[in-house]
Each structure stands twice: as C-alpha cells, then as structure tokens.
Amino acid sequence: MSHRKAVLVMVAAALMWSIAGVVSRHFESARGFEVTFWRSAFNALALLVMLAWLRGPAALWCTLREGGRDLWISAACWCVMYTAFMMALTLTTVANVLITMALGPLFTALGARLFLGHRLAARTWAAIVVAGVGIGWMYGREVGFAGSQHLAGVLVALCVPVAAAVNWTLMQHLHHGDDEPGDMLPAVLLGATLSALVTLPLSLPFNASPNDLGLLAMLGVVQLAIPCLLAMVVTKVLKAPEVSLLGLLEVVFGVAWAWLGAGEAPSTAVLGGGALVLAALVTNEAMTLRERAVATA
C-alpha cells in the first residue's frame, strides 16, 4: 500500500468512527454501559466472521491460542479504548472527554520518541500543536472541571489517548522494526470481546428496543469492526503519530454528521476549530507526500 492510499484509508476509518454520535441520537431506550456492551458484542461477532473469512477458522484459532505478549497488549489497549470512552461520558461532559482525547497525537509522538527513538519532523510537531489548539477552540467554552465526578471522568477519558498511544507505538515497533511481526488483526477481536465481558454486568438489566439493537449492530460493524481493522492495516505504512493525528478527523466528521443527520448546527467556534484541525492535517500530509516524491525522484 502506498503512503497516499494509506492516508485515504485512515481518513475513511475516521469517517466511519465518527458516526457514533449521530446514530446514538436515535436510540429509544438504550443508555450508558448497555450501549457499550451491545456495540462491543456486535463488534466482536462481526470481527469473528470477517477474520475467519480472511484468515481461515483454523489459522485464526491458532493465532488466538498462541498469540504472544504483543497480541494481548494490543488487545488490552483496544478494550480500554472501547470501554473508557463510554465510562467517561457517564462521569463528565462530552467537551471534557473530547478535549482529553485530543492529547492522543502528543502522547503517541512522545511514546515513539522515548521508546523507539523516532524523530518527528518539525511540521508534524506543529500539526499536533495546531490540531490540539483547534480541538480546544471547538469545545473550550464547554469545558468544566468543577466537582470530583468531573475530575474522575477526565481521568477515565485520559485512558483513551494513553491506550491509543501505546497501541500505535507498539504497531510502529512491530511493522517498522527488523523482525517480521505476527498477525495482529485478531487483537481487535480480543479487545472487543474483553470490552463486552467487562461491561456486561454494568449494563444489566437490558432496556434496548429492537430498533436500538439494529442501530447498535450497525455501530458494531460499520463504526467499529471495519474501521478498526483498517486502522491496524495502515500502521504497516504510516508512522504512529501520523495515524493518531489523522484519527482526530473523527471529531471533525462527527460534528458534520450531527449537523446533517440530527440538525445540530455547529457554532462559530466549532467551525473555526474544525477548520484549524483540517488545515493542520492537510498541510502535514501534503508536505509529507511532497518530500516522498522528491526523495523518489
């Protein structure tokens, strides 16, 4: 896969991740941890089918049974990302959660620098800072940290960018190192399964209607299973900070979906901050592609 195609695939993954907000506006009775449980359960079921088709049932079972430490570390990261986001939303505001998650590219860049010795170009550091400022501009007025519950929510939300940073840094180490990595796609399946198991006791008794289950099944397949597999694939080409930066498009796309699908018109601050995020990402990718073209020539 070329670098350009990998970027487009990651953009597509962020676009699919971003539909959760607008779809959740149409739930009838499903709330809280029940949403996380059903979404993770449908995600695990879809991944089981897709990976069995891609790898073959015997090969998939062999990988799951004999998976090493790296596979389980990645699975734990996926579990934390799937679960902590919803837990944080039950404790604090959406703005607090999104602002906290915007730290992901910074944590990933620091992880790649400290543990892999990867030096980032100045343009990438600038893109990380500008994108973070853009997210802050979008939701800065809504941020509030009064009360211990909000603080707990922010600490839980902090687990999402930390887990993502560990996961992307691990993928960079495996795919851009000297040794041939094992099959890491089943880690997404293990993470979804662990998330469903963790949230099952917290989601009882079930209240989801048949309509809710249909929407949650769609989220499990379209919003989680497919884009998470795509994100794992592009780590073979893109560096960890680049994957994390492009993942911020989920926030921008989510605003657009809420506007188009739920009539939630964004404020001037949201539009301005979103434009800043897009400008930072487009500039960084354009300069990267230009450097690669020059190097190839």
C-alpha atoms as a PDB file:
ATOM      1  CA  MET A   1       0.000   0.000   0.000  1.00  0.00           C
ATOM      2  CA  SER A   2       1.345   3.429  -0.948  1.00  0.00           C
ATOM      3  CA  HIS A   3       1.546   6.254   1.566  1.00  0.00           C
ATOM      4  CA  ARG A   4      -1.159   8.209  -0.260  1.00  0.00           C
ATOM      5  CA  LYS A   5      -3.530   5.237  -0.241  1.00  0.00           C
ATOM      6  CA  ALA A   6      -2.804   4.578   3.440  1.00  0.00           C
ATOM      7  CA  VAL A   7      -3.745   8.171   4.289  1.00  0.00           C
ATOM      8  CA  LEU A   8      -7.019   7.834   2.365  1.00  0.00           C
ATOM      9  CA  VAL A   9      -7.798   4.554   4.132  1.00  0.00           C
ATOM     10  CA  MET A  10      -7.170   6.175   7.529  1.00  0.00           C
ATOM     11  CA  VAL A  11      -9.428   9.097   6.593  1.00  0.00           C
ATOM     12  CA  ALA A  12     -12.134   6.576   5.681  1.00  0.00           C
ATOM     13  CA  ALA A  13     -11.649   4.867   9.050  1.00  0.00           C
ATOM     14  CA  ALA A  14     -12.040   8.192  10.892  1.00  0.00           C
ATOM     15  CA  LEU A  15     -15.183   8.892   8.859  1.00  0.00           C
ATOM     16  CA  MET A  16     -16.720   5.588   9.964  1.00  0.00           C
ATOM     17  CA  TRP A  17     -15.661   6.108  13.596  1.00  0.00           C
ATOM     18  CA  SER A  18     -17.416   9.479  13.589  1.00  0.00           C
ATOM     19  CA  ILE A  19     -20.974   8.216  13.019  1.00  0.00           C
ATOM     20  CA  ALA A  20     -21.450   7.099  16.644  1.00  0.00           C
ATOM     21  CA  GLY A  21     -22.738  10.472  17.834  1.00  0.00           C
ATOM     22  CA  VAL A  22     -25.424  10.985  15.227  1.00  0.00           C
ATOM     23  CA  VAL A  23     -26.595   7.349  15.391  1.00  0.00           C
ATOM     24  CA  SER A  24     -26.869   7.495  19.186  1.00  0.00           C
ATOM     25  CA  ARG A  25     -29.330  10.388  18.843  1.00  0.00           C
ATOM     26  CA  HIS A  26     -31.835   7.861  17.505  1.00  0.00           C
ATOM     27  CA  PHE A  27     -31.685   5.371  20.401  1.00  0.00           C
ATOM     28  CA  GLU A  28     -35.052   4.805  22.045  1.00  0.00           C
ATOM     29  CA  SER A  29     -34.133   3.259  25.393  1.00  0.00           C
ATOM     30  CA  ALA A  30     -30.517   2.002  25.314  1.00  0.00           C
ATOM     31  CA  ARG A  31     -28.263   4.059  27.564  1.00  0.00           C
ATOM     32  CA  GLY A  32     -24.862   4.055  29.240  1.00  0.00           C
ATOM     33  CA  PHE A  33     -22.981   0.803  29.592  1.00  0.00           C
ATOM     34  CA  GLU A  34     -25.649  -1.145  27.713  1.00  0.00           C
ATOM     35  CA  VAL A  35     -24.665   0.801  24.580  1.00  0.00           C
ATOM     36  CA  THR A  36     -21.023  -0.116  25.113  1.00  0.00           C
ATOM     37  CA  PHE A  37     -21.848  -3.777  25.743  1.00  0.00           C
ATOM     38  CA  TRP A  38     -24.026  -4.285  22.675  1.00  0.00           C
ATOM     39  CA  ARG A  39     -21.699  -2.288  20.443  1.00  0.00           C
ATOM     40  CA  SER A  40     -18.665  -4.280  21.592  1.00  0.00           C
ATOM     41  CA  ALA A  41     -20.561  -7.580  21.368  1.00  0.00           C
ATOM     42  CA  PHE A  42     -21.727  -6.914  17.798  1.00  0.00           C
ATOM     43  CA  ASN A  43     -18.211  -5.681  17.013  1.00  0.00           C
ATOM     44  CA  ALA A  44     -16.703  -8.943  18.282  1.00  0.00           C
ATOM     45  CA  LEU A  45     -19.215 -11.033  16.326  1.00  0.00           C
ATOM     46  CA  ALA A  46     -18.527  -9.102  13.098  1.00  0.00           C
ATOM     47  CA  LEU A  47     -14.767  -9.366  13.606  1.00  0.00           C
ATOM     48  CA  LEU A  48     -15.032 -13.096  14.238  1.00  0.00           C
ATOM     49  CA  VAL A  49     -16.831 -13.555  10.910  1.00  0.00           C
ATOM     50  CA  MET A  50     -14.529 -11.248   8.954  1.00  0.00           C
ATOM     51  CA  LEU A  51     -11.277 -12.616  10.361  1.00  0.00           C
ATOM     52  CA  ALA A  52     -12.427 -16.209   9.925  1.00  0.00           C
ATOM     53  CA  TRP A  53     -13.124 -15.358   6.283  1.00  0.00           C
ATOM     54  CA  LEU A  54      -9.820 -13.511   5.802  1.00  0.00           C
ATOM     55  CA  ARG A  55      -7.539 -15.882   7.696  1.00  0.00           C
ATOM     56  CA  GLY A  56      -9.495 -19.110   7.806  1.00  0.00           C
ATOM     57  CA  PRO A  57     -11.017 -20.513  11.032  1.00  0.00           C
ATOM     58  CA  ALA A  58      -8.037 -22.766  11.792  1.00  0.00           C
ATOM     59  CA  ALA A  59      -5.437 -20.031  11.333  1.00  0.00           C
ATOM     60  CA  LEU A  60      -7.494 -17.555  13.376  1.00  0.00           C
ATOM     61  CA  TRP A  61      -7.891 -20.015  16.241  1.00  0.00           C
ATOM     62  CA  CYS A  62      -4.172 -20.798  16.133  1.00  0.00           C
ATOM     63  CA  THR A  63      -3.320 -17.085  16.373  1.00  0.00           C
ATOM     64  CA  LEU A  64      -5.724 -16.529  19.262  1.00  0.00           C
ATOM     65  CA  ARG A  65      -4.465 -19.593  21.104  1.00  0.00           C
ATOM     66  CA  GLU A  66      -0.762 -18.986  20.568  1.00  0.00           C
ATOM     67  CA  GLY A  67      -0.771 -15.185  20.461  1.00  0.00           C
ATOM     68  CA  GLY A  68       2.141 -13.718  22.317  1.00  0.00           C
ATOM     69  CA  ARG A  69       2.564 -10.770  24.609  1.00  0.00           C
ATOM     70  CA  ASP A  70       2.274  -8.165  21.830  1.00  0.00           C
ATOM     71  CA  LEU A  71      -1.112  -9.505  20.734  1.00  0.00           C
ATOM     72  CA  TRP A  72      -2.531  -9.305  24.243  1.00  0.00           C
ATOM     73  CA  ILE A  73      -1.059  -5.849  24.915  1.00  0.00           C
ATOM     74  CA  SER A  74      -2.754  -4.556  21.769  1.00  0.00           C
ATOM     75  CA  ALA A  75      -5.998  -6.329  22.746  1.00  0.00           C
ATOM     76  CA  ALA A  76      -5.911  -4.677  26.179  1.00  0.00           C
ATOM     77  CA  CYS A  77      -5.422  -1.288  24.509  1.00  0.00           C
ATOM     78  CA  TRP A  78      -8.438  -1.849  22.253  1.00  0.00           C
ATOM     79  CA  CYS A  79     -10.502  -2.930  25.259  1.00  0.00           C
ATOM     80  CA  VAL A  80      -9.581   0.246  27.141  1.00  0.00           C
ATOM     81  CA  MET A  81     -10.374   2.449  24.134  1.00  0.00           C
ATOM     82  CA  TYR A  82     -13.744   0.765  23.576  1.00  0.00           C
ATOM     83  CA  THR A  83     -14.754   0.932  27.235  1.00  0.00           C
ATOM     84  CA  ALA A  84     -13.201   4.044  28.804  1.00  0.00           C
ATOM     85  CA  PHE A  85     -14.795   6.441  26.322  1.00  0.00           C
ATOM     86  CA  MET A  86     -18.327   5.474  27.355  1.00  0.00           C
ATOM     87  CA  MET A  87     -17.409   5.325  31.037  1.00  0.00           C
ATOM     88  CA  ALA A  88     -16.001   8.852  30.818  1.00  0.00           C
ATOM     89  CA  LEU A  89     -19.182  10.147  29.175  1.00  0.00           C
ATOM     90  CA  THR A  90     -21.200   8.913  32.164  1.00  0.00           C
ATOM     91  CA  LEU A  91     -18.994  10.915  34.532  1.00  0.00           C
ATOM     92  CA  THR A  92     -18.303  14.197  32.740  1.00  0.00           C
ATOM     93  CA  THR A  93     -19.236  16.294  29.717  1.00  0.00           C
ATOM     94  CA  VAL A  94     -18.649  15.432  26.083  1.00  0.00           C
ATOM     95  CA  ALA A  95     -16.421  18.503  25.771  1.00  0.00           C
ATOM     96  CA  ASN A  96     -14.176  17.341  28.616  1.00  0.00           C
ATOM     97  CA  VAL A  97     -13.857  13.907  27.003  1.00  0.00           C
ATOM     98  CA  LEU A  98     -13.046  15.239  23.512  1.00  0.00           C
ATOM     99  CA  ILE A  99     -10.519  17.764  24.804  1.00  0.00           C
ATOM    100  CA  THR A 100      -8.790  14.995  26.744  1.00  0.00           C
ATOM    101  CA  MET A 101      -8.781  12.642  23.752  1.00  0.00           C
ATOM    102  CA  ALA A 102      -7.128  15.354  21.641  1.00  0.00           C
ATOM    103  CA  LEU A 103      -3.957  14.650  23.644  1.00  0.00           C
ATOM    104  CA  GLY A 104      -3.622  11.366  21.728  1.00  0.00           C
ATOM    105  CA  PRO A 105      -1.251  12.590  18.989  1.00  0.00           C
ATOM    106  CA  LEU A 106       1.019  14.247  21.564  1.00  0.00           C
ATOM    107  CA  PHE A 107       1.204  11.096  23.711  1.00  0.00           C
ATOM    108  CA  THR A 108       1.840   8.982  20.614  1.00  0.00           C
ATOM    109  CA  ALA A 109       4.612  11.262  19.394  1.00  0.00           C
ATOM    110  CA  LEU A 110       6.262  11.233  22.815  1.00  0.00           C
ATOM    111  CA  GLY A 111       5.945   7.449  23.009  1.00  0.00           C
ATOM    112  CA  ALA A 112       7.532   6.979  19.587  1.00  0.00           C
ATOM    113  CA  ARG A 113      10.337   9.356  20.562  1.00  0.00           C
ATOM    114  CA  LEU A 114      11.058   7.891  24.003  1.00  0.00           C
ATOM    115  CA  PHE A 115      10.651   4.171  23.334  1.00  0.00           C
ATOM    116  CA  LEU A 116      11.529   3.875  19.639  1.00  0.00           C
ATOM    117  CA  GLY A 117      13.920   6.788  19.200  1.00  0.00           C
ATOM    118  CA  HIS A 118      11.753   8.060  16.337  1.00  0.00           C
ATOM    119  CA  ARG A 119      12.475  11.696  15.476  1.00  0.00           C
ATOM    120  CA  LEU A 120       9.455  13.649  14.296  1.00  0.00           C
ATOM    121  CA  ALA A 121       9.721  16.339  11.660  1.00  0.00           C
ATOM    122  CA  ALA A 122       9.080  19.880  12.869  1.00  0.00           C
ATOM    123  CA  ARG A 123       5.985  20.062  10.656  1.00  0.00           C
ATOM    124  CA  THR A 124       4.450  17.076  12.498  1.00  0.00           C
ATOM    125  CA  TRP A 125       5.045  18.653  15.900  1.00  0.00           C
ATOM    126  CA  ALA A 126       3.479  21.856  14.548  1.00  0.00           C
ATOM    127  CA  ALA A 127       0.499  19.902  13.209  1.00  0.00           C
ATOM    128  CA  ILE A 128      -0.001  18.239  16.604  1.00  0.00           C
ATOM    129  CA  VAL A 129       0.019  21.604  18.375  1.00  0.00           C
ATOM    130  CA  VAL A 130      -2.253  23.322  15.840  1.00  0.00           C
ATOM    131  CA  ALA A 131      -4.725  20.423  15.815  1.00  0.00           C
ATOM    132  CA  GLY A 132      -4.815  20.451  19.626  1.00  0.00           C
ATOM    133  CA  VAL A 133      -5.495  24.181  19.605  1.00  0.00           C
ATOM    134  CA  GLY A 134      -8.271  23.576  17.086  1.00  0.00           C
ATOM    135  CA  ILE A 135      -9.956  20.973  19.313  1.00  0.00           C
ATOM    136  CA  GLY A 136      -9.587  23.344  22.260  1.00  0.00           C
ATOM    137  CA  TRP A 137     -11.188  26.152  20.265  1.00  0.00           C
ATOM    138  CA  MET A 138     -14.088  23.883  19.276  1.00  0.00           C
ATOM    139  CA  TYR A 139     -15.009  22.872  22.816  1.00  0.00           C
ATOM    140  CA  GLY A 140     -13.101  25.237  25.115  1.00  0.00           C
ATOM    141  CA  ARG A 141     -16.180  27.137  26.287  1.00  0.00           C
ATOM    142  CA  GLU A 142     -17.918  23.942  27.361  1.00  0.00           C
ATOM    143  CA  VAL A 143     -15.065  22.569  29.451  1.00  0.00           C
ATOM    144  CA  GLY A 144     -15.766  22.344  33.151  1.00  0.00           C
ATOM    145  CA  PHE A 145     -13.871  20.587  35.938  1.00  0.00           C
ATOM    146  CA  ALA A 146     -15.951  21.524  38.973  1.00  0.00           C
ATOM    147  CA  GLY A 147     -16.533  18.579  41.282  1.00  0.00           C
ATOM    148  CA  SER A 148     -14.782  15.275  41.885  1.00  0.00           C
ATOM    149  CA  GLN A 149     -17.063  13.449  39.430  1.00  0.00           C
ATOM    150  CA  HIS A 150     -15.862  15.578  36.515  1.00  0.00           C
ATOM    151  CA  LEU A 151     -12.264  15.038  37.581  1.00  0.00           C
ATOM    152  CA  ALA A 152     -12.860  11.278  37.678  1.00  0.00           C
ATOM    153  CA  GLY A 153     -14.414  11.477  34.213  1.00  0.00           C
ATOM    154  CA  VAL A 154     -11.391  13.278  32.819  1.00  0.00           C
ATOM    155  CA  LEU A 155      -9.038  10.721  34.382  1.00  0.00           C
ATOM    156  CA  VAL A 156     -11.044   7.886  32.817  1.00  0.00           C
ATOM    157  CA  ALA A 157     -11.083   9.719  29.473  1.00  0.00           C
ATOM    158  CA  LEU A 158      -7.316  10.077  29.743  1.00  0.00           C
ATOM    159  CA  CYS A 159      -7.086   6.290  29.465  1.00  0.00           C
ATOM    160  CA  VAL A 160      -8.271   6.506  25.838  1.00  0.00           C
ATOM    161  CA  PRO A 161      -5.371   8.566  24.385  1.00  0.00           C
ATOM    162  CA  VAL A 162      -2.874   6.727  26.594  1.00  0.00           C
ATOM    163  CA  ALA A 163      -4.103   3.331  25.365  1.00  0.00           C
ATOM    164  CA  ALA A 164      -4.158   4.575  21.775  1.00  0.00           C
ATOM    165  CA  ALA A 165      -0.605   5.895  22.096  1.00  0.00           C
ATOM    166  CA  VAL A 166       0.615   2.557  23.464  1.00  0.00           C
ATOM    167  CA  ASN A 167      -1.173   0.664  20.705  1.00  0.00           C
ATOM    168  CA  TRP A 168       0.059   2.795  17.783  1.00  0.00           C
ATOM    169  CA  THR A 169       3.605   2.887  19.177  1.00  0.00           C
ATOM    170  CA  LEU A 170       3.563  -0.897  19.541  1.00  0.00           C
ATOM    171  CA  MET A 171       2.330  -1.258  15.944  1.00  0.00           C
ATOM    172  CA  GLN A 172       5.102   1.022  14.702  1.00  0.00           C
ATOM    173  CA  HIS A 173       7.671  -1.026  16.602  1.00  0.00           C
ATOM    174  CA  LEU A 174       6.348  -4.266  15.098  1.00  0.00           C
ATOM    175  CA  HIS A 175       5.800  -3.148  11.499  1.00  0.00           C
ATOM    176  CA  HIS A 176       8.796  -0.840  11.093  1.00  0.00           C
ATOM    177  CA  GLY A 177      11.338  -2.899  13.002  1.00  0.00           C
ATOM    178  CA  ASP A 178      13.750  -5.590  11.875  1.00  0.00           C
ATOM    179  CA  ASP A 179      11.679  -8.632  12.849  1.00  0.00           C
ATOM    180  CA  GLU A 180       8.644  -9.873  10.948  1.00  0.00           C
ATOM    181  CA  PRO A 181       5.573  -9.280  13.159  1.00  0.00           C
ATOM    182  CA  GLY A 182       2.879 -11.867  13.734  1.00  0.00           C
ATOM    183  CA  ASP A 183      -0.749 -11.411  12.738  1.00  0.00           C
ATOM    184  CA  MET A 184      -2.047  -8.532  14.883  1.00  0.00           C
ATOM    185  CA  LEU A 185      -5.540  -8.138  13.429  1.00  0.00           C
ATOM    186  CA  PRO A 186      -7.040 -10.646  15.933  1.00  0.00           C
ATOM    187  CA  ALA A 187      -6.063  -8.217  18.704  1.00  0.00           C
ATOM    188  CA  VAL A 188      -9.047  -6.089  17.681  1.00  0.00           C
ATOM    189  CA  LEU A 189     -11.323  -9.120  18.142  1.00  0.00           C
ATOM    190  CA  LEU A 190      -9.852  -9.891  21.559  1.00  0.00           C
ATOM    191  CA  GLY A 191     -10.238  -6.250  22.625  1.00  0.00           C
ATOM    192  CA  ALA A 192     -13.906  -6.179  21.597  1.00  0.00           C
ATOM    193  CA  THR A 193     -14.571  -9.439  23.431  1.00  0.00           C
ATOM    194  CA  LEU A 194     -12.891  -8.191  26.609  1.00  0.00           C
ATOM    195  CA  SER A 195     -14.862  -4.925  26.427  1.00  0.00           C
ATOM    196  CA  ALA A 196     -18.161  -6.811  26.117  1.00  0.00           C
ATOM    197  CA  LEU A 197     -17.280  -9.034  29.072  1.00  0.00           C
ATOM    198  CA  VAL A 198     -16.250  -6.087  31.257  1.00  0.00           C
ATOM    199  CA  THR A 199     -19.390  -4.040  30.550  1.00  0.00           C
ATOM    200  CA  LEU A 200     -21.918  -6.907  30.659  1.00  0.00           C
ATOM    201  CA  PRO A 201     -22.523  -6.803  34.454  1.00  0.00           C
ATOM    202  CA  LEU A 202     -22.772  -2.986  34.347  1.00  0.00           C
ATOM    203  CA  SER A 203     -25.334  -2.997  31.527  1.00  0.00           C
ATOM    204  CA  LEU A 204     -27.951  -5.242  33.214  1.00  0.00           C
ATOM    205  CA  PRO A 205     -30.919  -5.198  33.083  1.00  0.00           C
ATOM    206  CA  PHE A 206     -31.166  -4.685  29.319  1.00  0.00           C
ATOM    207  CA  ASN A 207     -33.514  -1.964  28.087  1.00  0.00           C
ATOM    208  CA  ALA A 208     -32.605  -1.758  24.396  1.00  0.00           C
ATOM    209  CA  SER A 209     -35.515  -1.901  21.961  1.00  0.00           C
ATOM    210  CA  PRO A 210     -35.365  -3.853  18.672  1.00  0.00           C
ATOM    211  CA  ASN A 211     -34.681  -0.554  16.905  1.00  0.00           C
ATOM    212  CA  ASP A 212     -31.812   0.153  19.302  1.00  0.00           C
ATOM    213  CA  LEU A 213     -30.334  -3.302  18.701  1.00  0.00           C
ATOM    214  CA  GLY A 214     -30.409  -2.730  14.949  1.00  0.00           C
ATOM    215  CA  LEU A 215     -28.596   0.589  15.325  1.00  0.00           C
ATOM    216  CA  LEU A 216     -26.083  -0.916  17.760  1.00  0.00           C
ATOM    217  CA  ALA A 217     -25.433  -3.788  15.368  1.00  0.00           C
ATOM    218  CA  MET A 218     -24.694  -1.241  12.652  1.00  0.00           C
ATOM    219  CA  LEU A 219     -22.324   0.602  15.004  1.00  0.00           C
ATOM    220  CA  GLY A 220     -20.592  -2.645  15.920  1.00  0.00           C
ATOM    221  CA  VAL A 221     -19.931  -3.462  12.270  1.00  0.00           C
ATOM    222  CA  VAL A 222     -19.598  -0.121  10.473  1.00  0.00           C
ATOM    223  CA  GLN A 223     -18.393   2.161  13.259  1.00  0.00           C
ATOM    224  CA  LEU A 224     -16.013  -0.251  14.988  1.00  0.00           C
ATOM    225  CA  ALA A 225     -15.172  -3.546  13.266  1.00  0.00           C
ATOM    226  CA  ILE A 226     -14.357  -2.319   9.755  1.00  0.00           C
ATOM    227  CA  PRO A 227     -12.517   0.942  10.615  1.00  0.00           C
ATOM    228  CA  CYS A 228     -10.508  -0.645  13.440  1.00  0.00           C
ATOM    229  CA  LEU A 229      -9.253  -3.339  11.080  1.00  0.00           C
ATOM    230  CA  LEU A 230      -8.415  -0.659   8.506  1.00  0.00           C
ATOM    231  CA  ALA A 231      -6.502   1.339  11.127  1.00  0.00           C
ATOM    232  CA  MET A 232      -4.445  -1.721  12.018  1.00  0.00           C
ATOM    233  CA  VAL A 233      -3.651  -2.321   8.347  1.00  0.00           C
ATOM    234  CA  VAL A 234      -2.384   1.226   7.703  1.00  0.00           C
ATOM    235  CA  THR A 235       0.052   1.009  10.622  1.00  0.00           C
ATOM    236  CA  LYS A 236       2.183  -1.070   8.270  1.00  0.00           C
ATOM    237  CA  VAL A 237       2.712   2.111   6.207  1.00  0.00           C
ATOM    238  CA  LEU A 238       2.025   5.135   8.411  1.00  0.00           C
ATOM    239  CA  LYS A 239       4.043   6.068  11.477  1.00  0.00           C
ATOM    240  CA  ALA A 240       2.299   6.073  14.866  1.00  0.00           C
ATOM    241  CA  PRO A 241       1.992   9.889  15.294  1.00  0.00           C
ATOM    242  CA  GLU A 242       0.564  10.182  11.781  1.00  0.00           C
ATOM    243  CA  VAL A 243      -2.111   7.558  12.499  1.00  0.00           C
ATOM    244  CA  SER A 244      -3.047   9.329  15.722  1.00  0.00           C
ATOM    245  CA  LEU A 245      -3.185  12.738  14.034  1.00  0.00           C
ATOM    246  CA  LEU A 246      -5.451  11.507  11.260  1.00  0.00           C
ATOM    247  CA  GLY A 247      -7.654   9.923  13.907  1.00  0.00           C
ATOM    248  CA  LEU A 248      -8.576  13.441  15.094  1.00  0.00           C
ATOM    249  CA  LEU A 249     -10.688  13.729  11.959  1.00  0.00           C
ATOM    250  CA  GLU A 250     -13.243  11.653  13.865  1.00  0.00           C
ATOM    251  CA  VAL A 251     -14.114  14.751  15.907  1.00  0.00           C
ATOM    252  CA  VAL A 252     -14.466  16.993  12.844  1.00  0.00           C
ATOM    253  CA  PHE A 253     -16.510  14.445  10.904  1.00  0.00           C
ATOM    254  CA  GLY A 254     -18.665  13.827  13.976  1.00  0.00           C
ATOM    255  CA  VAL A 255     -19.658  17.499  14.071  1.00  0.00           C
ATOM    256  CA  ALA A 256     -20.611  17.331  10.389  1.00  0.00           C
ATOM    257  CA  TRP A 257     -22.709  14.183  10.896  1.00  0.00           C
ATOM    258  CA  ALA A 258     -24.552  15.757  13.851  1.00  0.00           C
ATOM    259  CA  TRP A 259     -25.274  18.805  11.701  1.00  0.00           C
ATOM    260  CA  LEU A 260     -26.513  16.829   8.695  1.00  0.00           C
ATOM    261  CA  GLY A 261     -28.219  13.939  10.482  1.00  0.00           C
ATOM    262  CA  ALA A 262     -29.554  15.455  13.705  1.00  0.00           C
ATOM    263  CA  GLY A 263     -29.951  19.147  12.892  1.00  0.00           C
ATOM    264  CA  GLU A 264     -27.343  20.222  15.450  1.00  0.00           C
ATOM    265  CA  ALA A 265     -25.870  23.328  13.828  1.00  0.00           C
ATOM    266  CA  PRO A 266     -22.251  23.939  14.935  1.00  0.00           C
ATOM    267  CA  SER A 267     -21.219  27.217  16.499  1.00  0.00           C
ATOM    268  CA  THR A 268     -18.658  29.614  15.028  1.00  0.00           C
ATOM    269  CA  ALA A 269     -16.047  28.279  17.446  1.00  0.00           C
ATOM    270  CA  VAL A 270     -16.700  24.694  16.325  1.00  0.00           C
ATOM    271  CA  LEU A 271     -16.427  25.657  12.652  1.00  0.00           C
ATOM    272  CA  GLY A 272     -13.261  27.676  13.228  1.00  0.00           C
ATOM    273  CA  GLY A 273     -11.617  24.982  15.349  1.00  0.00           C
ATOM    274  CA  GLY A 274     -12.583  22.285  12.865  1.00  0.00           C
ATOM    275  CA  ALA A 275     -11.092  24.296  10.023  1.00  0.00           C
ATOM    276  CA  LEU A 276      -7.873  24.657  12.020  1.00  0.00           C
ATOM    277  CA  VAL A 277      -7.684  20.885  12.589  1.00  0.00           C
ATOM    278  CA  LEU A 278      -8.275  20.197   8.893  1.00  0.00           C
ATOM    279  CA  ALA A 279      -5.686  22.781   7.840  1.00  0.00           C
ATOM    280  CA  ALA A 280      -3.067  21.252  10.155  1.00  0.00           C
ATOM    281  CA  LEU A 281      -3.692  17.717   8.902  1.00  0.00           C
ATOM    282  CA  VAL A 282      -3.865  18.620   5.215  1.00  0.00           C
ATOM    283  CA  THR A 283      -0.688  20.719   5.413  1.00  0.00           C
ATOM    284  CA  ASN A 284       1.227  17.972   7.219  1.00  0.00           C
ATOM    285  CA  GLU A 285       0.143  15.263   4.751  1.00  0.00           C
ATOM    286  CA  ALA A 286       0.790  17.464   1.718  1.00  0.00           C
ATOM    287  CA  MET A 287       4.334  18.231   2.902  1.00  0.00           C
ATOM    288  CA  THR A 288       4.931  14.543   3.663  1.00  0.00           C
ATOM    289  CA  LEU A 289       3.812  13.479   0.182  1.00  0.00           C
ATOM    290  CA  ARG A 290       5.936  16.199  -1.397  1.00  0.00           C
ATOM    291  CA  GLU A 291       9.036  15.060   0.489  1.00  0.00           C
ATOM    292  CA  ARG A 292       8.411  11.460  -0.556  1.00  0.00           C
ATOM    293  CA  ALA A 293       8.015  12.497  -4.194  1.00  0.00           C
ATOM    294  CA  VAL A 294      11.276  14.440  -4.078  1.00  0.00           C
ATOM    295  CA  ALA A 295      13.073  11.535  -2.411  1.00  0.00           C
ATOM    296  CA  THR A 296      11.739   9.113  -5.014  1.00  0.00           C
ATOM    297  CA  ALA A 297      12.813  11.390  -7.859  1.00  0.00           C
END
